[in-house]
């Protein structure tokens, strides 16, 4: 089975109740701090629209990618009064996208060949929307458990959760 030659980058934000915001990165776009701040502005607007009950009291978790930790991004989040949930360095296994979201997206897409970018986007959007709210609850419960294991291990490396 050959891999599809159609490549698309997707940015996704979710909470315990489900999908909050997603967008596809335009082809050829470099994900730098300036681009990411624009994404965060759209995210903030979306939170106000679809989660008005938490619009003034939500936290952001993202990994330690250079665009996420850049001074420009940190300043934007500080000015916007959006606190960040810290991500331990070198710990992708405690990030919900890595242990929850990506597997949920890959399963329905695996084995399909998409001839166009639009077909990939359509399939990804459907897969995102098909994830049940209960699965998000389970993911956040698992995240709490993973954090606890890391704390109990005093940050020591271990093979599996």
N, C-alpha and C. Protein backbone atom coordinates (compact mmCIF):
# COMPACT_ATOMS: atom_id res chain seq x y z
N UNK A 1 0.84 -1.16 0.00
CA UNK A 1 0.00 0.00 0.00
C UNK A 1 0.89 1.24 0.00
N UNK A 2 0.68 2.11 -0.95
CA UNK A 2 1.50 3.31 -1.03
C UNK A 2 0.81 4.46 -0.30
N UNK A 3 1.62 5.37 0.18
CA UNK A 3 1.07 6.54 0.86
C UNK A 3 0.55 7.53 -0.17
N UNK A 4 -0.45 8.26 0.24
CA UNK A 4 -1.01 9.29 -0.62
C UNK A 4 0.00 10.41 -0.80
N UNK A 5 0.04 10.98 -1.98
CA UNK A 5 0.96 12.09 -2.23
C UNK A 5 0.32 13.44 -1.87
N UNK A 6 -0.96 13.41 -1.54
CA UNK A 6 -1.65 14.63 -1.15
C UNK A 6 -1.38 14.88 0.34
N UNK A 7 -0.79 16.02 0.64
CA UNK A 7 -0.44 16.35 2.03
C UNK A 7 -1.20 17.59 2.47
N UNK A 8 -1.71 17.53 3.68
CA UNK A 8 -2.46 18.64 4.25
C UNK A 8 -2.08 18.76 5.72
N UNK A 9 -1.85 19.98 6.18
CA UNK A 9 -1.57 20.19 7.60
C UNK A 9 -2.84 20.74 8.25
N UNK A 10 -3.16 20.17 9.40
CA UNK A 10 -4.38 20.51 10.12
C UNK A 10 -4.03 20.99 11.52
N UNK A 11 -4.65 22.08 11.93
CA UNK A 11 -4.51 22.58 13.30
C UNK A 11 -5.85 22.38 13.98
N UNK A 12 -5.83 21.76 15.16
CA UNK A 12 -7.07 21.42 15.86
C UNK A 12 -6.99 21.85 17.32
N UNK A 13 -8.09 22.40 17.80
CA UNK A 13 -8.25 22.73 19.21
C UNK A 13 -9.53 22.06 19.70
N UNK A 14 -9.45 21.41 20.85
CA UNK A 14 -10.63 20.75 21.40
C UNK A 14 -10.61 20.86 22.91
N UNK A 15 -11.76 20.61 23.50
CA UNK A 15 -11.86 20.59 24.95
C UNK A 15 -12.62 19.34 25.37
N UNK A 16 -12.98 19.26 26.61
CA UNK A 16 -13.63 18.06 27.14
C UNK A 16 -15.00 17.81 26.50
N UNK A 17 -15.59 18.85 25.90
CA UNK A 17 -16.91 18.71 25.27
C UNK A 17 -16.82 18.44 23.78
N UNK A 18 -15.65 18.57 23.20
CA UNK A 18 -15.52 18.26 21.78
C UNK A 18 -14.68 19.25 21.01
N UNK A 19 -14.85 19.19 19.72
CA UNK A 19 -14.11 20.04 18.79
C UNK A 19 -14.47 21.51 19.02
N UNK A 20 -13.45 22.34 19.14
CA UNK A 20 -13.67 23.78 19.31
C UNK A 20 -13.35 24.51 18.02
N UNK A 21 -12.20 24.23 17.44
CA UNK A 21 -11.79 24.95 16.23
C UNK A 21 -10.81 24.08 15.45
N UNK A 22 -10.94 24.11 14.15
CA UNK A 22 -9.93 23.46 13.32
C UNK A 22 -9.77 24.28 12.05
N UNK A 23 -8.58 24.23 11.51
CA UNK A 23 -8.33 24.89 10.23
C UNK A 23 -7.18 24.20 9.54
N UNK A 24 -7.24 24.24 8.23
CA UNK A 24 -6.21 23.64 7.41
C UNK A 24 -5.21 24.72 7.03
N UNK A 25 -3.95 24.39 7.13
CA UNK A 25 -2.88 25.34 6.82
C UNK A 25 -2.75 25.42 5.30
N UNK A 26 -2.82 26.63 4.75
CA UNK A 26 -2.65 26.76 3.30
C UNK A 26 -1.31 26.18 2.83
N UNK A 27 -1.34 25.52 1.69
CA UNK A 27 -0.14 24.90 1.13
C UNK A 27 0.99 25.94 1.02
N UNK A 28 2.17 25.55 1.46
CA UNK A 28 3.34 26.42 1.36
C UNK A 28 3.49 27.40 2.52
N UNK A 29 2.55 27.40 3.43
CA UNK A 29 2.61 28.32 4.57
C UNK A 29 3.62 27.83 5.60
N UNK A 30 4.43 28.73 6.08
CA UNK A 30 5.37 28.40 7.15
C UNK A 30 4.68 28.70 8.48
N UNK A 31 4.69 27.72 9.35
CA UNK A 31 4.05 27.90 10.66
C UNK A 31 5.08 28.57 11.57
N UNK A 32 4.96 29.86 11.68
CA UNK A 32 5.83 30.61 12.57
C UNK A 32 4.96 31.33 13.61
N UNK A 33 5.57 32.10 14.46
CA UNK A 33 4.84 32.77 15.53
C UNK A 33 3.76 33.70 14.99
N UNK A 34 4.09 34.44 13.95
CA UNK A 34 3.12 35.38 13.39
C UNK A 34 1.87 34.63 12.88
N UNK A 35 2.09 33.56 12.17
CA UNK A 35 0.97 32.75 11.66
C UNK A 35 0.17 32.18 12.83
N UNK A 36 0.85 31.65 13.84
CA UNK A 36 0.18 31.01 14.96
C UNK A 36 -0.64 32.01 15.77
N UNK A 37 -0.16 33.23 15.92
CA UNK A 37 -0.95 34.26 16.61
C UNK A 37 -2.26 34.50 15.86
N UNK A 38 -2.22 34.52 14.54
CA UNK A 38 -3.45 34.70 13.76
C UNK A 38 -4.41 33.53 13.99
N UNK A 39 -3.87 32.32 14.08
CA UNK A 39 -4.70 31.15 14.39
C UNK A 39 -5.32 31.31 15.77
N UNK A 40 -4.53 31.75 16.73
CA UNK A 40 -5.03 31.92 18.09
C UNK A 40 -6.11 33.00 18.17
N UNK A 41 -6.00 34.03 17.36
CA UNK A 41 -7.05 35.06 17.31
C UNK A 41 -8.36 34.43 16.83
N UNK A 42 -8.28 33.60 15.80
CA UNK A 42 -9.49 32.93 15.30
C UNK A 42 -10.04 31.96 16.35
N UNK A 43 -9.14 31.27 17.04
CA UNK A 43 -9.56 30.36 18.10
C UNK A 43 -10.31 31.12 19.19
N UNK A 44 -9.75 32.23 19.60
CA UNK A 44 -10.37 33.02 20.66
C UNK A 44 -11.78 33.47 20.25
N UNK A 45 -11.93 33.92 19.02
CA UNK A 45 -13.26 34.31 18.52
C UNK A 45 -14.22 33.12 18.53
N UNK A 46 -13.70 31.98 18.15
CA UNK A 46 -14.53 30.76 18.10
C UNK A 46 -14.97 30.35 19.50
N UNK A 47 -14.07 30.43 20.47
CA UNK A 47 -14.42 30.10 21.86
C UNK A 47 -15.56 31.00 22.32
N UNK A 48 -15.47 32.28 22.03
CA UNK A 48 -16.54 33.21 22.42
C UNK A 48 -17.87 32.85 21.76
N UNK A 49 -17.80 32.34 20.52
CA UNK A 49 -19.03 31.97 19.81
C UNK A 49 -19.64 30.67 20.30
N UNK A 50 -18.82 29.63 20.45
CA UNK A 50 -19.41 28.31 20.72
C UNK A 50 -19.31 27.87 22.17
N UNK A 51 -18.50 28.55 22.97
CA UNK A 51 -18.38 28.21 24.39
C UNK A 51 -18.49 29.49 25.23
N UNK A 52 -19.58 30.23 25.07
CA UNK A 52 -19.69 31.51 25.80
C UNK A 52 -19.63 31.34 27.31
N UNK A 53 -20.00 30.17 27.80
CA UNK A 53 -19.96 29.92 29.24
C UNK A 53 -18.54 29.90 29.81
N UNK A 54 -17.55 29.64 28.96
CA UNK A 54 -16.16 29.63 29.43
C UNK A 54 -15.30 30.67 28.71
N UNK A 55 -15.92 31.52 27.93
CA UNK A 55 -15.17 32.44 27.06
C UNK A 55 -14.17 33.31 27.81
N UNK A 56 -14.46 33.62 29.06
CA UNK A 56 -13.53 34.45 29.83
C UNK A 56 -12.71 33.65 30.84
N UNK A 57 -12.79 32.33 30.74
CA UNK A 57 -12.10 31.50 31.72
C UNK A 57 -11.69 30.16 31.11
N UNK A 58 -10.86 30.19 30.09
CA UNK A 58 -10.39 28.95 29.49
C UNK A 58 -8.87 28.97 29.45
N UNK A 59 -8.31 27.79 29.35
CA UNK A 59 -6.85 27.65 29.33
C UNK A 59 -6.44 26.96 28.03
N UNK A 60 -5.24 27.24 27.60
CA UNK A 60 -4.73 26.66 26.36
C UNK A 60 -3.59 25.70 26.67
N UNK A 61 -3.66 24.54 26.06
CA UNK A 61 -2.54 23.60 26.13
C UNK A 61 -2.05 23.37 24.70
N UNK A 62 -0.79 23.56 24.50
CA UNK A 62 -0.16 23.19 23.24
C UNK A 62 1.24 22.68 23.55
N UNK A 63 1.85 22.03 22.57
CA UNK A 63 3.18 21.47 22.83
C UNK A 63 4.23 22.57 22.79
N UNK A 64 5.47 22.16 22.84
CA UNK A 64 6.57 23.12 22.92
C UNK A 64 7.20 23.42 21.56
N UNK A 65 6.42 23.35 20.50
CA UNK A 65 6.93 23.69 19.17
C UNK A 65 7.41 25.14 19.19
N UNK A 66 8.44 25.45 18.42
CA UNK A 66 8.97 26.82 18.43
C UNK A 66 7.92 27.90 18.18
N UNK A 67 6.99 27.67 17.27
CA UNK A 67 5.95 28.67 17.01
C UNK A 67 5.05 28.87 18.23
N UNK A 68 4.88 27.84 19.03
CA UNK A 68 4.00 27.93 20.20
C UNK A 68 4.67 28.64 21.38
N UNK A 69 5.97 28.55 21.45
CA UNK A 69 6.69 29.11 22.60
C UNK A 69 7.37 30.44 22.29
N UNK A 70 7.17 30.93 21.09
CA UNK A 70 7.80 32.18 20.68
C UNK A 70 7.30 33.36 21.53
N UNK A 71 8.16 34.34 21.67
CA UNK A 71 7.85 35.52 22.47
C UNK A 71 6.56 36.20 21.99
N UNK A 72 6.39 36.32 20.69
CA UNK A 72 5.20 36.95 20.12
C UNK A 72 3.92 36.23 20.57
N UNK A 73 3.96 34.91 20.58
CA UNK A 73 2.80 34.10 20.99
C UNK A 73 2.55 34.27 22.49
N UNK A 74 3.62 34.19 23.27
CA UNK A 74 3.49 34.35 24.72
C UNK A 74 2.91 35.72 25.06
N UNK A 75 3.37 36.75 24.38
CA UNK A 75 2.84 38.10 24.61
C UNK A 75 1.36 38.17 24.24
N UNK A 76 0.99 37.59 23.11
CA UNK A 76 -0.41 37.60 22.70
C UNK A 76 -1.29 36.91 23.75
N UNK A 77 -0.87 35.75 24.20
CA UNK A 77 -1.66 35.01 25.18
C UNK A 77 -1.74 35.76 26.51
N UNK A 78 -0.65 36.38 26.91
CA UNK A 78 -0.64 37.17 28.14
C UNK A 78 -1.58 38.36 28.01
N UNK A 79 -1.45 39.10 26.91
CA UNK A 79 -2.31 40.27 26.67
C UNK A 79 -3.78 39.87 26.57
N UNK A 80 -4.04 38.67 26.05
CA UNK A 80 -5.41 38.18 25.88
C UNK A 80 -5.94 37.51 27.14
N UNK A 81 -5.10 37.44 28.15
CA UNK A 81 -5.46 36.79 29.43
C UNK A 81 -5.87 35.34 29.24
N UNK A 82 -5.11 34.64 28.40
CA UNK A 82 -5.33 33.21 28.18
C UNK A 82 -4.17 32.46 28.84
N UNK A 83 -4.43 31.83 30.00
CA UNK A 83 -3.35 31.08 30.64
C UNK A 83 -3.05 29.79 29.89
N UNK A 84 -1.82 29.36 29.99
CA UNK A 84 -1.39 28.13 29.32
C UNK A 84 -1.20 27.02 30.34
N UNK A 85 -1.60 25.83 29.94
CA UNK A 85 -1.31 24.62 30.72
C UNK A 85 0.06 24.16 30.24
N UNK A 86 1.02 24.00 31.13
CA UNK A 86 2.38 23.66 30.68
C UNK A 86 2.47 22.27 30.07
N UNK A 87 3.38 22.13 29.15
CA UNK A 87 3.67 20.83 28.53
C UNK A 87 5.10 20.48 28.89
N UNK A 88 5.30 19.35 29.57
CA UNK A 88 6.68 18.98 29.91
C UNK A 88 7.51 18.77 28.64
N UNK A 89 8.77 19.19 28.65
CA UNK A 89 9.61 18.98 27.47
C UNK A 89 9.77 17.49 27.18
N UNK A 90 9.85 17.18 25.91
CA UNK A 90 10.09 15.80 25.46
C UNK A 90 9.04 14.82 25.96
N UNK A 91 7.80 15.26 26.07
CA UNK A 91 6.75 14.38 26.58
C UNK A 91 5.51 14.38 25.69
N UNK A 92 5.65 13.99 24.44
CA UNK A 92 4.46 13.99 23.58
C UNK A 92 3.42 12.98 24.04
N UNK A 93 3.85 11.98 24.80
CA UNK A 93 2.91 10.95 25.25
C UNK A 93 1.92 11.46 26.30
N UNK A 94 2.11 12.67 26.81
CA UNK A 94 1.12 13.24 27.71
C UNK A 94 0.29 14.32 27.04
N UNK A 95 0.46 14.52 25.76
CA UNK A 95 -0.33 15.51 25.02
C UNK A 95 -1.55 14.83 24.40
N UNK A 96 -2.76 15.28 24.74
CA UNK A 96 -3.97 14.63 24.21
C UNK A 96 -4.02 14.47 22.69
N UNK A 97 -3.50 15.39 21.90
CA UNK A 97 -3.53 15.12 20.45
C UNK A 97 -2.76 13.86 20.07
N UNK A 98 -1.65 13.62 20.76
CA UNK A 98 -0.81 12.47 20.40
C UNK A 98 -1.41 11.14 20.82
N UNK A 99 -1.99 11.06 22.01
CA UNK A 99 -2.51 9.77 22.45
C UNK A 99 -4.00 9.60 22.15
N UNK A 100 -4.69 10.68 21.79
CA UNK A 100 -6.13 10.59 21.56
C UNK A 100 -6.54 11.03 20.15
N UNK A 101 -6.29 12.29 19.83
CA UNK A 101 -6.85 12.85 18.60
C UNK A 101 -6.28 12.22 17.33
N UNK A 102 -4.96 12.16 17.22
CA UNK A 102 -4.37 11.63 15.99
C UNK A 102 -4.80 10.20 15.71
N UNK A 103 -4.82 9.31 16.70
CA UNK A 103 -5.34 7.96 16.43
C UNK A 103 -6.80 7.96 15.97
N UNK A 104 -7.62 8.84 16.55
CA UNK A 104 -9.03 8.92 16.13
C UNK A 104 -9.16 9.43 14.70
N UNK A 105 -8.23 10.25 14.27
CA UNK A 105 -8.27 10.75 12.89
C UNK A 105 -7.69 9.73 11.91
N UNK A 106 -6.63 9.07 12.30
CA UNK A 106 -5.95 8.14 11.39
C UNK A 106 -6.79 6.92 11.06
N UNK A 107 -7.52 6.41 12.04
CA UNK A 107 -8.27 5.16 11.84
C UNK A 107 -9.25 5.25 10.66
N UNK A 108 -10.14 6.25 10.62
CA UNK A 108 -11.08 6.28 9.48
C UNK A 108 -10.43 6.68 8.15
N UNK A 109 -9.25 7.27 8.20
CA UNK A 109 -8.59 7.72 6.97
C UNK A 109 -7.64 6.67 6.39
N UNK A 110 -7.22 5.73 7.24
CA UNK A 110 -6.22 4.74 6.83
C UNK A 110 -6.72 3.89 5.66
N UNK A 111 -5.85 3.71 4.70
CA UNK A 111 -6.17 2.87 3.55
C UNK A 111 -6.89 3.59 2.43
N UNK A 112 -7.28 4.82 2.64
CA UNK A 112 -7.97 5.59 1.60
C UNK A 112 -6.95 6.45 0.86
N UNK A 113 -7.15 6.57 -0.41
CA UNK A 113 -6.30 7.45 -1.22
C UNK A 113 -7.17 8.60 -1.70
N UNK A 114 -6.73 9.78 -1.40
CA UNK A 114 -7.49 10.97 -1.74
C UNK A 114 -6.79 11.66 -2.89
N UNK A 115 -7.50 11.90 -3.94
CA UNK A 115 -6.91 12.48 -5.14
C UNK A 115 -6.70 13.97 -5.07
N UNK A 116 -7.42 14.63 -4.18
CA UNK A 116 -7.30 16.09 -4.10
C UNK A 116 -7.20 16.54 -2.65
N UNK A 117 -6.70 17.72 -2.48
CA UNK A 117 -6.61 18.32 -1.15
C UNK A 117 -8.01 18.49 -0.57
N UNK A 118 -8.96 18.89 -1.39
CA UNK A 118 -10.32 19.07 -0.90
C UNK A 118 -10.92 17.78 -0.36
N UNK A 119 -10.61 16.65 -0.99
CA UNK A 119 -11.10 15.35 -0.51
C UNK A 119 -10.48 15.01 0.85
N UNK A 120 -9.21 15.32 1.01
CA UNK A 120 -8.54 15.08 2.30
C UNK A 120 -9.20 15.95 3.38
N UNK A 121 -9.40 17.21 3.07
CA UNK A 121 -10.01 18.13 4.03
C UNK A 121 -11.41 17.67 4.41
N UNK A 122 -12.16 17.25 3.44
CA UNK A 122 -13.53 16.78 3.67
C UNK A 122 -13.53 15.55 4.59
N UNK A 123 -12.65 14.61 4.31
CA UNK A 123 -12.58 13.38 5.12
C UNK A 123 -12.09 13.68 6.54
N UNK A 124 -11.11 14.56 6.67
CA UNK A 124 -10.60 14.94 8.00
C UNK A 124 -11.68 15.65 8.81
N UNK A 125 -12.38 16.57 8.18
CA UNK A 125 -13.44 17.30 8.87
C UNK A 125 -14.53 16.35 9.34
N UNK A 126 -14.91 15.41 8.49
CA UNK A 126 -15.92 14.42 8.88
C UNK A 126 -15.42 13.57 10.04
N UNK A 127 -14.18 13.11 9.96
CA UNK A 127 -13.62 12.29 11.04
C UNK A 127 -13.60 13.06 12.36
N UNK A 128 -13.25 14.33 12.31
CA UNK A 128 -13.25 15.16 13.53
C UNK A 128 -14.65 15.28 14.11
N UNK A 129 -15.61 15.54 13.24
CA UNK A 129 -16.99 15.74 13.70
C UNK A 129 -17.63 14.44 14.18
N UNK A 130 -17.11 13.31 13.75
CA UNK A 130 -17.66 12.01 14.14
C UNK A 130 -17.17 11.54 15.52
N UNK A 131 -16.18 12.21 16.08
CA UNK A 131 -15.69 11.82 17.40
C UNK A 131 -16.74 12.20 18.44
N UNK A 132 -17.17 11.24 19.21
CA UNK A 132 -18.22 11.45 20.19
C UNK A 132 -17.72 12.26 21.39
N UNK A 133 -18.64 13.00 21.99
CA UNK A 133 -18.28 13.80 23.17
C UNK A 133 -17.71 12.91 24.28
N UNK A 134 -18.24 11.72 24.42
CA UNK A 134 -17.75 10.79 25.44
C UNK A 134 -16.26 10.48 25.24
N UNK A 135 -15.83 10.40 23.99
CA UNK A 135 -14.42 10.13 23.70
C UNK A 135 -13.54 11.28 24.20
N UNK A 136 -14.02 12.51 24.07
CA UNK A 136 -13.26 13.66 24.59
C UNK A 136 -13.18 13.60 26.11
N UNK A 137 -14.29 13.23 26.76
CA UNK A 137 -14.27 13.07 28.22
C UNK A 137 -13.22 12.03 28.62
N UNK A 138 -13.24 10.89 27.92
CA UNK A 138 -12.28 9.82 28.21
C UNK A 138 -10.84 10.29 28.00
N UNK A 139 -10.63 11.09 26.96
CA UNK A 139 -9.28 11.60 26.68
C UNK A 139 -8.79 12.49 27.81
N UNK A 140 -9.66 13.34 28.34
CA UNK A 140 -9.24 14.22 29.43
C UNK A 140 -9.02 13.44 30.72
N UNK A 141 -9.82 12.39 30.94
CA UNK A 141 -9.57 11.52 32.09
C UNK A 141 -8.20 10.83 31.94
N UNK A 142 -7.91 10.36 30.74
CA UNK A 142 -6.61 9.71 30.48
C UNK A 142 -5.47 10.71 30.65
N UNK A 143 -5.70 11.95 30.24
CA UNK A 143 -4.67 12.99 30.38
C UNK A 143 -4.36 13.22 31.85
N UNK A 144 -5.40 13.31 32.67
CA UNK A 144 -5.18 13.47 34.12
C UNK A 144 -4.38 12.30 34.68
N UNK A 145 -4.72 11.11 34.24
CA UNK A 145 -4.02 9.91 34.70
C UNK A 145 -2.55 9.94 34.27
N UNK A 146 -2.29 10.34 33.05
CA UNK A 146 -0.91 10.42 32.55
C UNK A 146 -0.11 11.46 33.33
N UNK A 147 -0.72 12.60 33.60
CA UNK A 147 -0.05 13.63 34.39
C UNK A 147 0.30 13.08 35.77
N UNK A 148 -0.66 12.38 36.38
CA UNK A 148 -0.43 11.82 37.72
C UNK A 148 0.73 10.83 37.69
N UNK A 149 0.78 9.99 36.66
CA UNK A 149 1.89 9.03 36.55
C UNK A 149 3.23 9.76 36.42
N UNK A 150 3.25 10.83 35.65
CA UNK A 150 4.49 11.61 35.51
C UNK A 150 4.90 12.24 36.84
N UNK A 151 3.92 12.76 37.56
CA UNK A 151 4.20 13.36 38.87
C UNK A 151 4.70 12.29 39.83
N UNK A 152 4.01 11.15 39.86
CA UNK A 152 4.41 10.05 40.76
C UNK A 152 5.80 9.53 40.43
N UNK A 153 6.17 9.58 39.15
CA UNK A 153 7.50 9.11 38.73
C UNK A 153 8.55 10.21 38.86
N UNK A 154 8.16 11.35 39.40
CA UNK A 154 9.04 12.51 39.57
C UNK A 154 9.71 12.87 38.25
N UNK A 155 8.94 12.77 37.19
CA UNK A 155 9.44 13.15 35.87
C UNK A 155 10.33 12.13 35.20
N UNK A 156 10.58 10.98 35.85
CA UNK A 156 11.44 9.96 35.25
C UNK A 156 10.77 9.37 34.01
N UNK A 157 11.58 8.95 33.07
CA UNK A 157 11.08 8.36 31.84
C UNK A 157 10.54 6.96 32.11
N UNK A 158 9.43 6.60 31.48
CA UNK A 158 8.97 5.22 31.53
C UNK A 158 8.40 4.85 30.18
N UNK A 159 8.39 3.57 29.87
CA UNK A 159 8.07 3.07 28.53
C UNK A 159 6.63 3.24 28.11
N UNK A 160 5.69 2.92 28.97
CA UNK A 160 4.29 2.92 28.53
C UNK A 160 3.38 3.40 29.64
N UNK A 161 2.22 3.86 29.23
CA UNK A 161 1.20 4.28 30.19
C UNK A 161 0.24 3.15 30.41
